[in-house]
Full PDB file with SEQRES, HELIX, SHEET, SSBOND, CRYST1, ORIGX, SCALE, CONECT and MASTER records, all heavy atoms in Angstrom:
SEQRES   1 A   32  GLY SER VAL ILE VAL GLN ASN GLN ASP ILE VAL GLY GLU          
SEQRES   2 A   32  GLY PHE HIS PRO GLN ALA GLY GLN PRO HIS ALA GLU VAL          
SEQRES   3 A   32  PHE ALA LEU TRP ALA ALA                                      
HELIX    1 AA1 ALA A   24  ALA A   31  1                                   8    
SHEET    1 AA1 2 SER A   2  GLN A   6  0                                        
SHEET    2 AA1 2 ASP A   9  GLY A  14 -1                                        
CRYST1    1.000    1.000    1.000  90.00  90.00  90.00 P 1           1          
ORIGX1      1.000000  0.000000  0.000000        0.00000                         
ORIGX2      0.000000  1.000000  0.000000        0.00000                         
ORIGX3      0.000000  0.000000  1.000000        0.00000                         
SCALE1      1.000000  0.000000  0.000000        0.00000                         
SCALE2      0.000000  1.000000  0.000000        0.00000                         
SCALE3      0.000000  0.000000  1.000000        0.00000                         
ATOM      1  N   GLY A   1      -3.579   4.395  -5.461  1.00  0.00           N  
ATOM      2  CA  GLY A   1      -3.290   4.345  -4.036  1.00  0.00           C  
ATOM      3  C   GLY A   1      -3.931   3.109  -3.434  1.00  0.00           C  
ATOM      4  O   GLY A   1      -4.913   2.579  -3.965  1.00  0.00           O  
ATOM      5  N   SER A   2      -3.379   2.619  -2.338  1.00  0.00           N  
ATOM      6  CA  SER A   2      -3.890   1.395  -1.720  1.00  0.00           C  
ATOM      7  C   SER A   2      -3.814   1.503  -0.206  1.00  0.00           C  
ATOM      8  O   SER A   2      -2.889   2.113   0.347  1.00  0.00           O  
ATOM      9  CB  SER A   2      -3.089   0.181  -2.201  1.00  0.00           C  
ATOM     10  OG  SER A   2      -3.603  -1.021  -1.664  1.00  0.00           O  
ATOM     11  N   VAL A   3      -4.802   0.911   0.446  1.00  0.00           N  
ATOM     12  CA  VAL A   3      -4.882   0.884   1.910  1.00  0.00           C  
ATOM     13  C   VAL A   3      -5.192  -0.538   2.345  1.00  0.00           C  
ATOM     14  O   VAL A   3      -6.029  -1.210   1.736  1.00  0.00           O  
ATOM     15  CB  VAL A   3      -5.989   1.833   2.422  1.00  0.00           C  
ATOM     16  CG1 VAL A   3      -6.149   1.715   3.938  1.00  0.00           C  
ATOM     17  CG2 VAL A   3      -5.695   3.273   2.036  1.00  0.00           C  
ATOM     18  N   ILE A   4      -4.531  -1.007   3.398  1.00  0.00           N  
ATOM     19  CA  ILE A   4      -4.810  -2.323   3.969  1.00  0.00           C  
ATOM     20  C   ILE A   4      -5.354  -2.136   5.375  1.00  0.00           C  
ATOM     21  O   ILE A   4      -4.791  -1.377   6.184  1.00  0.00           O  
ATOM     22  CB  ILE A   4      -3.551  -3.203   3.985  1.00  0.00           C  
ATOM     23  CG1 ILE A   4      -3.085  -3.471   2.549  1.00  0.00           C  
ATOM     24  CG2 ILE A   4      -3.811  -4.529   4.707  1.00  0.00           C  
ATOM     25  CD1 ILE A   4      -1.797  -4.255   2.450  1.00  0.00           C  
ATOM     26  N   VAL A   5      -6.467  -2.814   5.641  1.00  0.00           N  
ATOM     27  CA  VAL A   5      -7.182  -2.651   6.906  1.00  0.00           C  
ATOM     28  C   VAL A   5      -7.345  -3.998   7.598  1.00  0.00           C  
ATOM     29  O   VAL A   5      -7.721  -4.991   6.973  1.00  0.00           O  
ATOM     30  CB  VAL A   5      -8.566  -2.012   6.673  1.00  0.00           C  
ATOM     31  CG1 VAL A   5      -9.395  -2.018   7.954  1.00  0.00           C  
ATOM     32  CG2 VAL A   5      -8.416  -0.588   6.146  1.00  0.00           C  
ATOM     33  N   GLN A   6      -7.061  -4.021   8.879  1.00  0.00           N  
ATOM     34  CA  GLN A   6      -7.262  -5.200   9.725  1.00  0.00           C  
ATOM     35  C   GLN A   6      -8.133  -4.782  10.906  1.00  0.00           C  
ATOM     36  O   GLN A   6      -7.768  -3.903  11.685  1.00  0.00           O  
ATOM     37  CB  GLN A   6      -5.911  -5.723  10.218  1.00  0.00           C  
ATOM     38  CG  GLN A   6      -5.951  -7.024  10.992  1.00  0.00           C  
ATOM     39  CD  GLN A   6      -6.170  -8.239  10.118  1.00  0.00           C  
ATOM     40  OE1 GLN A   6      -7.301  -8.713  10.029  1.00  0.00           O  
ATOM     41  NE2 GLN A   6      -5.115  -8.744   9.489  1.00  0.00           N  
ATOM     42  N   ASN A   7      -9.343  -5.386  10.986  1.00  0.00           N  
ATOM     43  CA  ASN A   7     -10.282  -5.036  12.065  1.00  0.00           C  
ATOM     44  C   ASN A   7     -10.554  -3.539  12.117  1.00  0.00           C  
ATOM     45  O   ASN A   7     -10.576  -2.915  13.178  1.00  0.00           O  
ATOM     46  CB  ASN A   7      -9.740  -5.514  13.412  1.00  0.00           C  
ATOM     47  CG  ASN A   7      -9.597  -7.022  13.468  1.00  0.00           C  
ATOM     48  OD1 ASN A   7     -10.432  -7.763  12.928  1.00  0.00           O  
ATOM     49  ND2 ASN A   7      -8.529  -7.495  14.098  1.00  0.00           N  
ATOM     50  N   GLN A   8     -10.747  -2.943  10.947  1.00  0.00           N  
ATOM     51  CA  GLN A   8     -11.051  -1.523  10.764  1.00  0.00           C  
ATOM     52  C   GLN A   8      -9.918  -0.595  11.222  1.00  0.00           C  
ATOM     53  O   GLN A   8     -10.133   0.599  11.426  1.00  0.00           O  
ATOM     54  CB  GLN A   8     -12.380  -1.151  11.446  1.00  0.00           C  
ATOM     55  CG  GLN A   8     -13.596  -1.800  10.800  1.00  0.00           C  
ATOM     56  CD  GLN A   8     -14.872  -1.008  11.011  1.00  0.00           C  
ATOM     57  OE1 GLN A   8     -15.051  -0.364  12.035  1.00  0.00           O  
ATOM     58  NE2 GLN A   8     -15.763  -1.052  10.028  1.00  0.00           N  
ATOM     59  N   ASP A   9      -8.739  -1.133  11.362  1.00  0.00           N  
ATOM     60  CA  ASP A   9      -7.552  -0.329  11.632  1.00  0.00           C  
ATOM     61  C   ASP A   9      -6.657  -0.361  10.397  1.00  0.00           C  
ATOM     62  O   ASP A   9      -6.365  -1.440   9.858  1.00  0.00           O  
ATOM     63  CB  ASP A   9      -6.768  -0.864  12.835  1.00  0.00           C  
ATOM     64  CG  ASP A   9      -7.498  -0.662  14.142  1.00  0.00           C  
ATOM     65  OD1 ASP A   9      -8.237   0.342  14.262  1.00  0.00           O  
ATOM     66  OD2 ASP A   9      -7.348  -1.512  15.040  1.00  0.00           O  
ATOM     67  N   ILE A  10      -6.191   0.801   9.948  1.00  0.00           N  
ATOM     68  CA  ILE A  10      -5.272   0.860   8.812  1.00  0.00           C  
ATOM     69  C   ILE A  10      -3.907   0.343   9.258  1.00  0.00           C  
ATOM     70  O   ILE A  10      -3.305   0.877  10.191  1.00  0.00           O  
ATOM     71  CB  ILE A  10      -5.147   2.294   8.274  1.00  0.00           C  
ATOM     72  CG1 ILE A  10      -6.491   2.762   7.690  1.00  0.00           C  
ATOM     73  CG2 ILE A  10      -4.054   2.376   7.213  1.00  0.00           C  
ATOM     74  CD1 ILE A  10      -6.483   4.197   7.203  1.00  0.00           C  
ATOM     75  N   VAL A  11      -3.440  -0.701   8.561  1.00  0.00           N  
ATOM     76  CA  VAL A  11      -2.149  -1.291   8.919  1.00  0.00           C  
ATOM     77  C   VAL A  11      -1.104  -1.108   7.821  1.00  0.00           C  
ATOM     78  O   VAL A  11       0.069  -1.450   8.015  1.00  0.00           O  
ATOM     79  CB  VAL A  11      -2.304  -2.791   9.248  1.00  0.00           C  
ATOM     80  CG1 VAL A  11      -3.195  -2.979  10.475  1.00  0.00           C  
ATOM     81  CG2 VAL A  11      -2.870  -3.573   8.059  1.00  0.00           C  
ATOM     82  N   GLY A  12      -1.521  -0.587   6.665  1.00  0.00           N  
ATOM     83  CA  GLY A  12      -0.574  -0.360   5.589  1.00  0.00           C  
ATOM     84  C   GLY A  12      -1.156   0.556   4.529  1.00  0.00           C  
ATOM     85  O   GLY A  12      -2.351   0.494   4.234  1.00  0.00           O  
ATOM     86  N   GLU A  13      -0.323   1.423   3.969  1.00  0.00           N  
ATOM     87  CA  GLU A  13      -0.732   2.318   2.895  1.00  0.00           C  
ATOM     88  C   GLU A  13       0.394   2.417   1.871  1.00  0.00           C  
ATOM     89  O   GLU A  13       1.565   2.195   2.186  1.00  0.00           O  
ATOM     90  CB  GLU A  13      -1.026   3.728   3.424  1.00  0.00           C  
ATOM     91  CG  GLU A  13      -2.241   3.834   4.314  1.00  0.00           C  
ATOM     92  CD  GLU A  13      -2.531   5.275   4.715  1.00  0.00           C  
ATOM     93  OE1 GLU A  13      -1.582   6.097   4.735  1.00  0.00           O  
ATOM     94  OE2 GLU A  13      -3.711   5.576   4.993  1.00  0.00           O  
ATOM     95  N   GLY A  14       0.027   2.772   0.646  1.00  0.00           N  
ATOM     96  CA  GLY A  14       1.032   2.965  -0.381  1.00  0.00           C  
ATOM     97  C   GLY A  14       0.431   3.610  -1.614  1.00  0.00           C  
ATOM     98  O   GLY A  14      -0.782   3.631  -1.792  1.00  0.00           O  
ATOM     99  N   PHE A  15       1.308   4.154  -2.465  1.00  0.00           N  
ATOM    100  CA  PHE A  15       0.873   4.707  -3.753  1.00  0.00           C  
ATOM    101  C   PHE A  15       1.955   4.432  -4.784  1.00  0.00           C  
ATOM    102  O   PHE A  15       3.120   4.179  -4.440  1.00  0.00           O  
ATOM    103  CB  PHE A  15       0.587   6.207  -3.655  1.00  0.00           C  
ATOM    104  CG  PHE A  15       1.812   7.055  -3.380  1.00  0.00           C  
ATOM    105  CD1 PHE A  15       2.575   7.588  -4.416  1.00  0.00           C  
ATOM    106  CD2 PHE A  15       2.200   7.328  -2.072  1.00  0.00           C  
ATOM    107  CE1 PHE A  15       3.700   8.354  -4.159  1.00  0.00           C  
ATOM    108  CE2 PHE A  15       3.317   8.096  -1.807  1.00  0.00           C  
ATOM    109  CZ  PHE A  15       4.072   8.620  -2.854  1.00  0.00           C  
ATOM    110  N   HIS A  16       1.554   4.450  -6.045  1.00  0.00           N  
ATOM    111  CA  HIS A  16       2.490   4.213  -7.146  1.00  0.00           C  
ATOM    112  C   HIS A  16       3.195   5.527  -7.478  1.00  0.00           C  
ATOM    113  O   HIS A  16       2.546   6.484  -7.920  1.00  0.00           O  
ATOM    114  CB  HIS A  16       1.737   3.693  -8.359  1.00  0.00           C  
ATOM    115  CG  HIS A  16       2.586   3.461  -9.563  1.00  0.00           C  
ATOM    116  ND1 HIS A  16       3.754   2.727  -9.536  1.00  0.00           N  
ATOM    117  CD2 HIS A  16       2.455   3.897 -10.849  1.00  0.00           C  
ATOM    118  CE1 HIS A  16       4.290   2.697 -10.737  1.00  0.00           C  
ATOM    119  NE2 HIS A  16       3.526   3.411 -11.545  1.00  0.00           N  
ATOM    120  N   PRO A  17       4.529   5.621  -7.288  1.00  0.00           N  
ATOM    121  CA  PRO A  17       5.215   6.902  -7.477  1.00  0.00           C  
ATOM    122  C   PRO A  17       5.519   7.252  -8.930  1.00  0.00           C  
ATOM    123  O   PRO A  17       5.437   8.413  -9.316  1.00  0.00           O  
ATOM    124  CB  PRO A  17       6.505   6.737  -6.667  1.00  0.00           C  
ATOM    125  CG  PRO A  17       6.755   5.259  -6.665  1.00  0.00           C  
ATOM    126  CD  PRO A  17       5.410   4.598  -6.689  1.00  0.00           C  
ATOM    127  N   GLN A  18       5.881   6.255  -9.740  1.00  0.00           N  
ATOM    128  CA  GLN A  18       6.179   6.507 -11.147  1.00  0.00           C  
ATOM    129  C   GLN A  18       6.365   5.183 -11.869  1.00  0.00           C  
ATOM    130  O   GLN A  18       6.532   4.133 -11.235  1.00  0.00           O  
ATOM    131  CB  GLN A  18       7.438   7.364 -11.304  1.00  0.00           C  
ATOM    132  CG  GLN A  18       8.713   6.711 -10.795  1.00  0.00           C  
ATOM    133  CD  GLN A  18       9.927   7.614 -10.941  1.00  0.00           C  
ATOM    134  OE1 GLN A  18       9.830   8.827 -10.847  1.00  0.00           O  
ATOM    135  NE2 GLN A  18      11.081   7.009 -11.182  1.00  0.00           N  
ATOM    136  N   ALA A  19       6.309   5.233 -13.203  1.00  0.00           N  
ATOM    137  CA  ALA A  19       6.464   4.021 -14.009  1.00  0.00           C  
ATOM    138  C   ALA A  19       7.805   3.367 -13.723  1.00  0.00           C  
ATOM    139  O   ALA A  19       8.831   4.034 -13.622  1.00  0.00           O  
ATOM    140  CB  ALA A  19       6.347   4.364 -15.493  1.00  0.00           C  
ATOM    141  N   GLY A  20       7.779   2.035 -13.589  1.00  0.00           N  
ATOM    142  CA  GLY A  20       8.982   1.279 -13.279  1.00  0.00           C  
ATOM    143  C   GLY A  20       9.148   0.993 -11.804  1.00  0.00           C  
ATOM    144  O   GLY A  20       9.906   0.092 -11.427  1.00  0.00           O  
ATOM    145  N   GLN A  21       8.440   1.751 -10.964  1.00  0.00           N  
ATOM    146  CA  GLN A  21       8.479   1.524  -9.527  1.00  0.00           C  
ATOM    147  C   GLN A  21       7.370   0.547  -9.137  1.00  0.00           C  
ATOM    148  O   GLN A  21       6.408   0.338  -9.877  1.00  0.00           O  
ATOM    149  CB  GLN A  21       8.296   2.850  -8.780  1.00  0.00           C  
ATOM    150  CG  GLN A  21       9.435   3.832  -8.997  1.00  0.00           C  
ATOM    151  CD  GLN A  21      10.732   3.341  -8.396  1.00  0.00           C  
ATOM    152  OE1 GLN A  21      10.764   2.883  -7.263  1.00  0.00           O  
ATOM    153  NE2 GLN A  21      11.808   3.434  -9.173  1.00  0.00           N  
ATOM    154  N   PRO A  22       7.453  -0.084  -7.954  1.00  0.00           N  
ATOM    155  CA  PRO A  22       6.386  -0.989  -7.520  1.00  0.00           C  
ATOM    156  C   PRO A  22       5.038  -0.288  -7.505  1.00  0.00           C  
ATOM    157  O   PRO A  22       4.953   0.940  -7.349  1.00  0.00           O  
ATOM    158  CB  PRO A  22       6.832  -1.394  -6.107  1.00  0.00           C  
ATOM    159  CG  PRO A  22       8.317  -1.237  -6.122  1.00  0.00           C  
ATOM    160  CD  PRO A  22       8.587  -0.055  -7.001  1.00  0.00           C  
ATOM    161  N   HIS A  23       3.995  -1.081  -7.637  1.00  0.00           N  
ATOM    162  CA  HIS A  23       2.649  -0.531  -7.639  1.00  0.00           C  
ATOM    163  C   HIS A  23       2.165  -0.293  -6.211  1.00  0.00           C  
ATOM    164  O   HIS A  23       2.772  -0.728  -5.241  1.00  0.00           O  
ATOM    165  CB  HIS A  23       1.704  -1.459  -8.396  1.00  0.00           C  
ATOM    166  CG  HIS A  23       1.990  -1.514  -9.865  1.00  0.00           C  
ATOM    167  ND1 HIS A  23       1.228  -2.256 -10.743  1.00  0.00           N  
ATOM    168  CD2 HIS A  23       2.951  -0.917 -10.617  1.00  0.00           C  
ATOM    169  CE1 HIS A  23       1.707  -2.119 -11.969  1.00  0.00           C  
ATOM    170  NE2 HIS A  23       2.763  -1.312 -11.913  1.00  0.00           N  
ATOM    171  N   ALA A  24       1.051   0.421  -6.110  1.00  0.00           N  
ATOM    172  CA  ALA A  24       0.548   0.858  -4.802  1.00  0.00           C  
ATOM    173  C   ALA A  24       0.302  -0.309  -3.854  1.00  0.00           C  
ATOM    174  O   ALA A  24       0.620  -0.230  -2.656  1.00  0.00           O  
ATOM    175  CB  ALA A  24      -0.748   1.647  -5.001  1.00  0.00           C  
ATOM    176  N   GLU A  25      -0.262  -1.413  -4.375  1.00  0.00           N  
ATOM    177  CA  GLU A  25      -0.576  -2.553  -3.524  1.00  0.00           C  
ATOM    178  C   GLU A  25       0.677  -3.132  -2.879  1.00  0.00           C  
ATOM    179  O   GLU A  25       0.652  -3.561  -1.725  1.00  0.00           O  
ATOM    180  CB  GLU A  25      -1.275  -3.648  -4.341  1.00  0.00           C  
ATOM    181  CG  GLU A  25      -2.566  -3.204  -5.026  1.00  0.00           C  
ATOM    182  CD  GLU A  25      -2.348  -2.749  -6.461  1.00  0.00           C  
ATOM    183  OE1 GLU A  25      -1.377  -1.993  -6.709  1.00  0.00           O  
ATOM    184  OE2 GLU A  25      -3.144  -3.141  -7.322  1.00  0.00           O  
ATOM    185  N   VAL A  26       1.760  -3.137  -3.626  1.00  0.00           N  
ATOM    186  CA  VAL A  26       3.005  -3.702  -3.108  1.00  0.00           C  
ATOM    187  C   VAL A  26       3.540  -2.853  -1.962  1.00  0.00           C  
ATOM    188  O   VAL A  26       3.957  -3.378  -0.920  1.00  0.00           O  
ATOM    189  CB  VAL A  26       4.045  -3.827  -4.236  1.00  0.00           C  
ATOM    190  CG1 VAL A  26       5.399  -4.265  -3.677  1.00  0.00           C  
ATOM    191  CG2 VAL A  26       3.561  -4.824  -5.295  1.00  0.00           C  
ATOM    192  N   PHE A  27       3.521  -1.540  -2.136  1.00  0.00           N  
ATOM    193  CA  PHE A  27       3.967  -0.661  -1.051  1.00  0.00           C  
ATOM    194  C   PHE A  27       3.100  -0.846   0.190  1.00  0.00           C  
ATOM    195  O   PHE A  27       3.594  -0.865   1.325  1.00  0.00           O  
ATOM    196  CB  PHE A  27       3.927   0.797  -1.498  1.00  0.00           C  
ATOM    197  CG  PHE A  27       5.099   1.216  -2.348  1.00  0.00           C  
ATOM    198  CD1 PHE A  27       4.936   1.511  -3.691  1.00  0.00           C  
ATOM    199  CD2 PHE A  27       6.373   1.316  -1.800  1.00  0.00           C  
ATOM    200  CE1 PHE A  27       6.013   1.901  -4.476  1.00  0.00           C  
ATOM    201  CE2 PHE A  27       7.464   1.709  -2.574  1.00  0.00           C  
ATOM    202  CZ  PHE A  27       7.277   1.989  -3.915  1.00  0.00           C  
ATOM    203  N   ALA A  28       1.787  -0.980  -0.026  1.00  0.00           N  
ATOM    204  CA  ALA A  28       0.882  -1.174   1.109  1.00  0.00           C  
ATOM    205  C   ALA A  28       1.143  -2.508   1.803  1.00  0.00           C  
ATOM    206  O   ALA A  28       1.125  -2.596   3.044  1.00  0.00           O  
ATOM    207  CB  ALA A  28      -0.569  -1.097   0.641  1.00  0.00           C  
ATOM    208  N   LEU A  29       1.403  -3.550   1.022  1.00  0.00           N  
ATOM    209  CA  LEU A  29       1.700  -4.865   1.594  1.00  0.00           C  
ATOM    210  C   LEU A  29       3.013  -4.839   2.369  1.00  0.00           C  
ATOM    211  O   LEU A  29       3.129  -5.449   3.441  1.00  0.00           O  
ATOM    212  CB  LEU A  29       1.752  -5.921   0.493  1.00  0.00           C  
ATOM    213  CG  LEU A  29       0.403  -6.297  -0.143  1.00  0.00           C  
ATOM    214  CD1 LEU A  29       0.620  -7.142  -1.388  1.00  0.00           C  
ATOM    215  CD2 LEU A  29      -0.475  -7.038   0.862  1.00  0.00           C  
ATOM    216  N   TRP A  30       4.003  -4.135   1.838  1.00  0.00           N  
ATOM    217  CA  TRP A  30       5.269  -4.013   2.562  1.00  0.00           C  
ATOM    218  C   TRP A  30       5.046  -3.320   3.909  1.00  0.00           C  
ATOM    219  O   TRP A  30       5.620  -3.712   4.926  1.00  0.00           O  
ATOM    220  CB  TRP A  30       6.271  -3.209   1.740  1.00  0.00           C  
ATOM    221  CG  TRP A  30       6.841  -3.948   0.570  1.00  0.00           C  
ATOM    222  CD1 TRP A  30       6.759  -5.286   0.319  1.00  0.00           C  
ATOM    223  CD2 TRP A  30       7.584  -3.375  -0.516  1.00  0.00           C  
ATOM    224  NE1 TRP A  30       7.399  -5.602  -0.852  1.00  0.00           N  
ATOM    225  CE2 TRP A  30       7.933  -4.457  -1.391  1.00  0.00           C  
ATOM    226  CE3 TRP A  30       8.000  -2.102  -0.842  1.00  0.00           C  
ATOM    227  CZ2 TRP A  30       8.661  -4.255  -2.564  1.00  0.00           C  
ATOM    228  CZ3 TRP A  30       8.740  -1.893  -2.012  1.00  0.00           C  
ATOM    229  CH2 TRP A  30       9.058  -2.963  -2.857  1.00  0.00           C  
ATOM    230  N   ALA A  31       4.209  -2.283   3.891  1.00  0.00           N  
ATOM    231  CA  ALA A  31       3.956  -1.542   5.128  1.00  0.00           C  
ATOM    232  C   ALA A  31       3.180  -2.390   6.130  1.00  0.00           C  
ATOM    233  O   ALA A  31       3.425  -2.319   7.345  1.00  0.00           O  
ATOM    234  CB  ALA A  31       3.185  -0.259   4.816  1.00  0.00           C  
ATOM    235  N   ALA A  32       2.250  -3.212   5.637  1.00  0.00           N  
ATOM    236  CA  ALA A  32       1.429  -4.035   6.539  1.00  0.00           C  
ATOM    237  C   ALA A  32       2.209  -5.229   7.077  1.00  0.00           C  
ATOM    238  O   ALA A  32       2.001  -5.659   8.212  1.00  0.00           O  
ATOM    239  CB  ALA A  32       0.179  -4.513   5.796  1.00  0.00           C  
TER     240      ALA A  32                                                      
MASTER        0    0    0    1    2    0    0    6  239    1    0    3          
END                                                                             
């Protein structure tokens, strides 16, 4: 799982759902 924080505010989150899918960091970056 991954969380992205800007000034102590969560601006993006994500998790890896299954093999072959993007990794958690990528989902979090997309959200941020």
